[in-house]
Protein backbone atom coordinates (compact mmCIF):
# COMPACT_ATOMS: atom_id res chain seq x y z
CA MET A 1 -240.35 0.02 -27.28
CA PRO A 2 -237.01 -1.17 -29.06
CA TYR A 3 -236.59 -4.41 -30.67
CA PHE A 4 -233.36 -6.74 -31.27
CA VAL A 5 -233.56 -7.23 -34.91
CA THR A 6 -231.76 -9.80 -37.00
CA SER A 7 -231.33 -10.27 -40.51
CA THR A 8 -228.99 -12.88 -42.54
CA VAL A 9 -227.90 -13.32 -46.20
CA ILE A 10 -228.79 -16.00 -47.98
CA GLY A 11 -226.94 -18.85 -46.80
CA TRP A 12 -224.43 -17.24 -44.24
CA VAL A 13 -223.13 -16.27 -47.56
CA ASP A 14 -220.50 -13.68 -46.46
CA ALA A 15 -221.50 -11.31 -48.86
CA LEU A 16 -220.74 -8.21 -46.47
CA SER A 17 -217.37 -9.32 -46.13
CA ARG A 18 -216.11 -6.21 -48.39
CA GLU A 19 -216.94 -2.19 -47.43
CA ILE A 20 -218.23 -1.37 -50.44
CA TYR A 21 -221.15 -3.27 -49.80
CA LYS A 22 -221.56 -2.65 -45.97
CA GLU A 23 -221.68 1.30 -46.98
CA ILE A 24 -224.99 0.43 -48.89
CA ILE A 25 -226.82 -1.08 -45.58
CA CYS A 26 -225.61 2.38 -44.04
CA LYS A 27 -226.52 4.47 -46.30
CA SER A 28 -229.82 2.40 -46.83
CA LEU A 29 -229.54 3.31 -42.65
CA LEU A 30 -229.49 6.73 -42.75
CA PHE A 31 -232.08 7.06 -45.21
CA CYS A 32 -234.69 5.28 -43.19
CA ARG A 33 -233.65 7.03 -39.78
CA GLU A 34 -234.10 10.21 -41.92
CA GLN A 35 -236.38 9.56 -44.58
CA LYS A 36 -239.03 6.38 -43.18
CA GLY A 37 -239.54 7.27 -38.54
CA LEU A 38 -236.68 4.66 -38.17
CA LEU A 39 -234.51 4.82 -34.88
CA LEU A 40 -231.43 3.27 -34.50
CA HIS A 41 -229.95 2.68 -31.15
CA ALA A 42 -227.82 -0.01 -32.20
CA TYR A 43 -225.97 -2.37 -34.86
CA VAL A 44 -223.56 -4.26 -36.02
CA ILE A 45 -222.43 -4.72 -39.90
CA MET A 46 -221.24 -8.82 -39.97
CA PRO A 47 -219.99 -10.07 -43.11
CA ASN A 48 -223.19 -12.36 -43.29
CA HIS A 49 -226.02 -11.02 -40.69
CA VAL A 50 -227.03 -7.08 -39.30
CA HIS A 51 -227.84 -6.93 -35.96
CA PHE A 52 -230.18 -3.74 -34.91
CA ILE A 53 -231.54 -2.20 -31.95
CA LEU A 54 -233.88 -0.37 -33.11
CA SER A 55 -237.98 1.67 -32.21
CA SER A 56 -239.90 3.99 -34.91
CA THR A 57 -241.54 6.68 -34.49
CA PRO A 58 -245.23 6.75 -33.54
CA GLU A 59 -246.35 7.34 -37.14
CA THR A 60 -244.41 4.36 -38.90
CA ASN A 61 -243.65 0.91 -37.90
CA ILE A 62 -240.93 -1.24 -37.63
CA GLY A 63 -242.15 -4.26 -40.00
CA ASN A 64 -242.41 -1.69 -42.98
CA ILE A 65 -238.99 -0.19 -42.48
CA MET A 66 -237.70 -3.50 -42.21
CA ARG A 67 -239.26 -4.80 -45.88
CA ASP A 68 -238.54 -1.43 -47.69
CA PHE A 69 -234.70 -1.46 -45.84
CA LYS A 70 -234.11 -5.34 -46.74
CA LYS A 71 -236.29 -4.72 -50.46
CA PHE A 72 -233.28 -1.35 -51.36
CA THR A 73 -229.97 -3.33 -50.45
CA SER A 74 -230.76 -6.60 -51.59
CA LYS A 75 -231.24 -4.87 -54.79
CA ARG A 76 -228.63 -2.02 -54.51
CA ILE A 77 -225.80 -5.02 -53.12
CA ILE A 78 -226.68 -7.36 -55.86
CA GLU A 79 -226.05 -4.63 -58.88
CA ALA A 80 -223.12 -3.59 -56.70
CA ILE A 81 -221.99 -7.29 -56.99
CA GLU A 82 -223.07 -7.85 -60.74
CA ASN A 83 -220.93 -4.68 -61.64
CA ASN A 84 -217.77 -5.30 -59.10
CA GLN A 85 -214.89 -6.02 -61.34
CA GLN A 86 -212.02 -7.27 -59.00
CA GLU A 87 -215.39 -9.69 -57.12
CA SER A 88 -213.55 -12.91 -57.56
CA ARG A 89 -216.63 -14.87 -55.94
CA LYS A 90 -219.10 -13.25 -57.93
CA LYS A 91 -220.12 -15.94 -60.29
CA TRP A 92 -220.67 -18.03 -57.03
CA ILE A 93 -222.58 -15.59 -54.55
CA LEU A 94 -224.64 -15.17 -57.91
CA ASN A 95 -225.20 -18.26 -58.45
CA MET A 96 -226.17 -18.38 -54.45
CA PHE A 97 -229.35 -15.90 -54.41
CA SER A 98 -230.11 -17.38 -57.62
CA TYR A 99 -230.39 -21.09 -56.04
CA ALA A 100 -232.55 -19.01 -53.46
CA GLY A 101 -234.66 -16.81 -55.39
CA ASN A 102 -235.92 -19.61 -57.79
CA ASN A 103 -237.26 -21.46 -55.44
CA ASN A 104 -239.03 -19.06 -53.25
CA LYS A 105 -242.15 -17.36 -55.40
CA SER A 106 -241.97 -13.77 -53.83
CA ASN A 107 -238.87 -13.29 -55.92
CA GLU A 108 -238.31 -12.56 -59.65
CA VAL A 109 -234.42 -13.83 -59.96
CA TYR A 110 -232.70 -13.60 -56.66
CA GLN A 111 -233.04 -13.49 -52.93
CA PHE A 112 -229.99 -11.96 -50.83
CA TRP A 113 -231.79 -11.74 -47.31
CA GLN A 114 -233.78 -14.68 -45.65
CA GLN A 115 -237.00 -13.42 -45.49
CA GLU A 116 -237.33 -13.51 -41.60
CA TYR A 117 -235.96 -9.96 -39.91
CA HIS A 118 -236.77 -11.74 -35.72
CA PRO A 119 -238.10 -9.01 -33.97
CA ILE A 120 -237.47 -9.30 -30.11
CA ALA A 121 -239.26 -7.08 -27.69
CA LEU A 122 -236.83 -5.53 -26.03
CA ASP A 123 -239.03 -4.53 -22.57
CA THR A 124 -237.12 -5.07 -19.51
CA GLN A 125 -233.81 -2.90 -18.77
CA GLU A 126 -231.72 -6.77 -18.73
CA LYS A 127 -232.66 -7.38 -21.65
CA LEU A 128 -231.81 -4.15 -23.17
CA ILE A 129 -228.62 -4.26 -21.55
CA GLN A 130 -227.94 -8.66 -22.45
CA ARG A 131 -229.02 -7.38 -26.56
CA LEU A 132 -226.77 -4.43 -26.69
CA LYS A 133 -223.67 -6.05 -24.96
CA TYR A 134 -224.14 -9.06 -27.43
CA LEU A 135 -224.62 -7.14 -30.57
CA HIS A 136 -221.40 -5.03 -29.50
CA GLU A 137 -219.67 -8.24 -29.25
CA ASN A 138 -220.29 -9.89 -32.19
CA PRO A 139 -217.14 -9.22 -33.87
CA VAL A 140 -214.77 -9.76 -31.17
CA ARG A 141 -216.58 -13.10 -30.89
CA ALA A 142 -216.07 -13.58 -34.95
CA GLY A 143 -212.44 -13.54 -34.25
CA ILE A 144 -212.42 -10.03 -36.77
CA VAL A 145 -210.77 -7.15 -33.55
CA TRP A 146 -209.75 -7.68 -30.19
CA LEU A 147 -212.08 -4.58 -29.52
CA PRO A 148 -216.01 -4.19 -29.76
CA GLN A 149 -215.23 -0.28 -30.16
CA ASP A 150 -212.23 -1.01 -32.76
CA TYR A 151 -215.13 -2.70 -35.73
CA LYS A 152 -215.61 0.34 -37.48
CA TYR A 153 -219.41 -0.89 -38.89
CA SER A 154 -220.94 -0.82 -35.23
CA SER A 155 -221.99 1.84 -32.77
CA ALA A 156 -219.89 0.18 -29.80
CA ILE A 157 -217.81 3.19 -30.37
CA ASP A 158 -220.75 5.39 -29.56
CA TYR A 159 -221.32 3.54 -26.27
CA TYR A 160 -218.26 2.22 -24.99
CA CYS A 161 -215.83 5.41 -25.89
CA ASP A 162 -218.84 8.31 -26.07
CA LYS A 163 -217.47 9.35 -29.60
CA PRO A 164 -219.51 8.75 -32.66
CA GLY A 165 -219.19 5.92 -35.25
CA ILE A 166 -220.13 6.23 -38.97
CA LEU A 167 -223.84 6.51 -38.68
CA PRO A 168 -225.74 8.40 -36.22
CA ILE A 169 -228.06 6.99 -33.44
CA ASP A 170 -230.39 7.25 -31.27
CA ARG A 171 -228.65 6.34 -28.25
CA LEU A 172 -230.42 4.73 -25.37
CA PHE A 173 -229.58 5.93 -22.00
CA ILE A 174 -228.98 2.85 -19.73
């Protein structure tokens, strides 16, 4: 069964506004597809959160995949921010993550993602279609693009234009 999943950056910080950080998300999703049993049906990577429609192979667990995904991406994105000489907001962003990390016993220094990932079972065709549309129209509602399929970091082009996007997906036939 597919699930609609959302992960949000702490404090809704727009830490994913730069392409270099979005690419870390993409590489991790590819790894999870190839090595961890993730079935990625749809995605959108927004500046401060991500939405996925996903499921997993029978021998794997979505909760474990999401835990590993969030742990890996948080470390890599924070490292990229620390090492990015062009990051004009570096001090502010790292202060936000440090503050959140200091207030959470589960973290050593920084906290990048909010702890939950809000899985919603898409157990009817109606729920599936509604969430797929919501996910793909997110960049339009945010004023980033005019049309869902024009947003690079989304699977909308796979569904609206039947062309491959930047990440391979396990397409839902609805």
